[in-house]
C-alpha atoms as a PDB file:
ATOM      1  CA  MET A   1      30.087  27.889 -26.805  1.00  0.00           C
ATOM      2  CA  THR A   2      33.589  26.836 -27.736  1.00  0.00           C
ATOM      3  CA  ASP A   3      34.198  24.632 -30.725  1.00  0.00           C
ATOM      4  CA  LEU A   4      35.743  21.263 -29.914  1.00  0.00           C
ATOM      5  CA  ALA A   5      39.067  20.987 -31.742  1.00  0.00           C
ATOM      6  CA  PHE A   6      41.638  18.250 -32.064  1.00  0.00           C
ATOM      7  CA  SER A   7      45.358  18.254 -32.708  1.00  0.00           C
ATOM      8  CA  PRO A   8      46.432  18.415 -36.348  1.00  0.00           C
ATOM      9  CA  HIS A   9      48.736  15.497 -35.555  1.00  0.00           C
ATOM     10  CA  LEU A  10      45.687  13.267 -35.883  1.00  0.00           C
ATOM     11  CA  LEU A  11      45.640  14.093 -39.591  1.00  0.00           C
ATOM     12  CA  ASP A  12      49.389  13.438 -39.725  1.00  0.00           C
ATOM     13  CA  LEU A  13      48.642   9.956 -38.401  1.00  0.00           C
ATOM     14  CA  VAL A  14      45.992   9.434 -41.091  1.00  0.00           C
ATOM     15  CA  LEU A  15      48.504  10.478 -43.760  1.00  0.00           C
ATOM     16  CA  ILE A  16      51.059   7.995 -42.397  1.00  0.00           C
ATOM     17  CA  VAL A  17      48.431   5.231 -42.347  1.00  0.00           C
ATOM     18  CA  THR A  18      47.582   6.033 -45.979  1.00  0.00           C
ATOM     19  CA  VAL A  19      51.233   5.623 -46.996  1.00  0.00           C
ATOM     20  CA  ALA A  20      51.402   2.355 -45.030  1.00  0.00           C
ATOM     21  CA  GLU A  21      48.182   1.208 -46.718  1.00  0.00           C
ATOM     22  CA  PHE A  22      49.720   1.877 -50.139  1.00  0.00           C
ATOM     23  CA  ILE A  23      52.835  -0.137 -49.292  1.00  0.00           C
ATOM     24  CA  VAL A  24      51.018  -3.059 -47.654  1.00  0.00           C
ATOM     25  CA  LEU A  25      48.329  -3.364 -50.332  1.00  0.00           C
ATOM     26  CA  GLY A  26      50.930  -3.026 -53.087  1.00  0.00           C
ATOM     27  CA  LEU A  27      53.111  -5.781 -51.623  1.00  0.00           C
ATOM     28  CA  VAL A  28      50.173  -8.100 -50.925  1.00  0.00           C
ATOM     29  CA  ASN A  29      48.701  -7.569 -54.381  1.00  0.00           C
ATOM     30  CA  SER A  30      52.018  -8.034 -56.181  1.00  0.00           C
ATOM     31  CA  ARG A  31      52.796 -11.247 -54.270  1.00  0.00           C
ATOM     32  CA  ALA A  32      49.309 -12.693 -54.732  1.00  0.00           C
ATOM     33  CA  ARG A  33      49.192 -11.455 -58.340  1.00  0.00           C
ATOM     34  CA  ARG A  34      45.628 -10.259 -57.886  1.00  0.00           C
ATOM     35  CA  GLY A  35      43.993  -7.063 -56.743  1.00  0.00           C
ATOM     36  CA  LEU A  36      45.049  -3.589 -57.766  1.00  0.00           C
ATOM     37  CA  GLN A  37      48.568  -3.338 -59.099  1.00  0.00           C
ATOM     38  CA  TRP A  38      50.973  -0.535 -58.096  1.00  0.00           C
ATOM     39  CA  PRO A  39      49.904   2.053 -60.749  1.00  0.00           C
ATOM     40  CA  ASP A  40      46.184   1.440 -60.152  1.00  0.00           C
ATOM     41  CA  LEU A  41      46.702   1.537 -56.404  1.00  0.00           C
ATOM     42  CA  ALA A  42      48.619   4.819 -56.660  1.00  0.00           C
ATOM     43  CA  MET A  43      45.872   6.366 -58.778  1.00  0.00           C
ATOM     44  CA  ALA A  44      43.239   5.212 -56.271  1.00  0.00           C
ATOM     45  CA  LEU A  45      45.035   6.570 -53.189  1.00  0.00           C
ATOM     46  CA  ALA A  46      46.808   9.679 -54.501  1.00  0.00           C
ATOM     47  CA  PRO A  47      43.784  12.006 -54.849  1.00  0.00           C
ATOM     48  CA  GLY A  48      42.620  11.482 -51.267  1.00  0.00           C
ATOM     49  CA  PHE A  49      46.164  11.633 -49.941  1.00  0.00           C
ATOM     50  CA  PHE A  50      46.880  14.964 -51.607  1.00  0.00           C
ATOM     51  CA  LEU A  51      43.525  16.419 -50.529  1.00  0.00           C
ATOM     52  CA  MET A  52      44.316  15.496 -46.917  1.00  0.00           C
ATOM     53  CA  LEU A  53      47.837  16.868 -47.296  1.00  0.00           C
ATOM     54  CA  ALA A  54      46.528  20.140 -48.751  1.00  0.00           C
ATOM     55  CA  PHE A  55      44.053  20.481 -45.903  1.00  0.00           C
ATOM     56  CA  ARG A  56      46.778  19.739 -43.361  1.00  0.00           C
ATOM     57  CA  LEU A  57      49.007  22.424 -44.839  1.00  0.00           C
ATOM     58  CA  ALA A  58      46.160  24.960 -45.034  1.00  0.00           C
ATOM     59  CA  GLN A  59      44.788  24.384 -41.514  1.00  0.00           C
ATOM     60  CA  PRO A  60      47.757  23.692 -39.274  1.00  0.00           C
ATOM     61  CA  GLN A  61      46.164  24.785 -35.964  1.00  0.00           C
ATOM     62  CA  SER A  62      43.328  22.343 -35.287  1.00  0.00           C
ATOM     63  CA  LEU A  63      40.767  19.910 -36.642  1.00  0.00           C
ATOM     64  CA  THR A  64      37.110  20.474 -35.803  1.00  0.00           C
ATOM     65  CA  VAL A  65      34.487  17.769 -35.269  1.00  0.00           C
ATOM     66  CA  PRO A  66      32.805  18.363 -38.676  1.00  0.00           C
ATOM     67  CA  THR A  67      36.205  18.019 -40.348  1.00  0.00           C
ATOM     68  CA  LEU A  68      36.867  14.743 -38.544  1.00  0.00           C
ATOM     69  CA  LEU A  69      33.399  13.468 -39.468  1.00  0.00           C
ATOM     70  CA  CYS A  70      34.039  14.255 -43.140  1.00  0.00           C
ATOM     71  CA  LEU A  71      37.446  12.573 -43.008  1.00  0.00           C
ATOM     72  CA  SER A  72      35.887   9.539 -41.295  1.00  0.00           C
ATOM     73  CA  ALA A  73      33.150   9.295 -43.932  1.00  0.00           C
ATOM     74  CA  ALA A  74      35.759   9.549 -46.680  1.00  0.00           C
ATOM     75  CA  GLY A  75      37.809   6.796 -45.031  1.00  0.00           C
ATOM     76  CA  LEU A  76      34.812   4.472 -44.701  1.00  0.00           C
ATOM     77  CA  LEU A  77      33.797   5.060 -48.321  1.00  0.00           C
ATOM     78  CA  HIS A  78      37.401   4.470 -49.382  1.00  0.00           C
ATOM     79  CA  ALA A  79      37.528   1.148 -47.507  1.00  0.00           C
ATOM     80  CA  PHE A  80      34.180   0.097 -49.018  1.00  0.00           C
ATOM     81  CA  ASP A  81      35.418   0.972 -52.517  1.00  0.00           C
ATOM     82  CA  PHE A  82      38.589  -1.091 -52.089  1.00  0.00           C
ATOM     83  CA  TYR A  83      36.558  -4.021 -50.747  1.00  0.00           C
ATOM     84  CA  ARG A  84      34.137  -3.741 -53.684  1.00  0.00           C
ATOM     85  CA  ARG A  85      37.039  -3.699 -56.175  1.00  0.00           C
ATOM     86  CA  HIS A  86      38.716  -6.651 -54.459  1.00  0.00           C
ATOM     87  CA  VAL A  87      35.525  -8.725 -54.619  1.00  0.00           C
ATOM     88  CA  ALA A  88      34.967  -7.755 -58.269  1.00  0.00           C
ATOM     89  CA  ILE A  89      38.500  -8.812 -59.235  1.00  0.00           C
ATOM     90  CA  GLY A  90      38.141 -12.150 -57.438  1.00  0.00           C
ATOM     91  CA  ALA A  91      34.717 -12.972 -58.902  1.00  0.00           C
ATOM     92  CA  PRO A  92      34.575 -15.069 -62.067  1.00  0.00           C
ATOM     93  CA  SER A  93      33.524 -13.144 -65.139  1.00  0.00           C
ATOM     94  CA  SER A  94      29.959 -13.792 -66.262  1.00  0.00           C
ATOM     95  CA  SER A  95      30.893 -13.025 -69.892  1.00  0.00           C
ATOM     96  CA  LYS A  96      32.921 -16.248 -70.185  1.00  0.00           C
ATOM     97  CA  THR A  97      30.869 -19.083 -71.596  1.00  0.00           C
ATOM     98  CA  LYS A  98      31.569 -22.772 -71.611  1.00  0.00           C
ATOM     99  CA  ALA A  99      32.588 -24.244 -74.952  1.00  0.00           C
END
């Protein structure tokens, strides 16, 4: 049984989308003056970006289905985390009391 493999250029596309995500979110957040600011955004995206980059450099021939499933799960969790942070920043603080 042969293992189904995909082009490593798929991971290149994911890396490009991650860079675009950083730029778009940074611009939107800086214009709206809410959400994660540039340093926080960089610290949130950099670890995953460099892990994907390291994997891309270490496995240049192909991407297997389990690898793509792991990358997909990481992407979904990443999107959920950003959504959760965005909602938390936009929610009023419960520690503020009326005077």
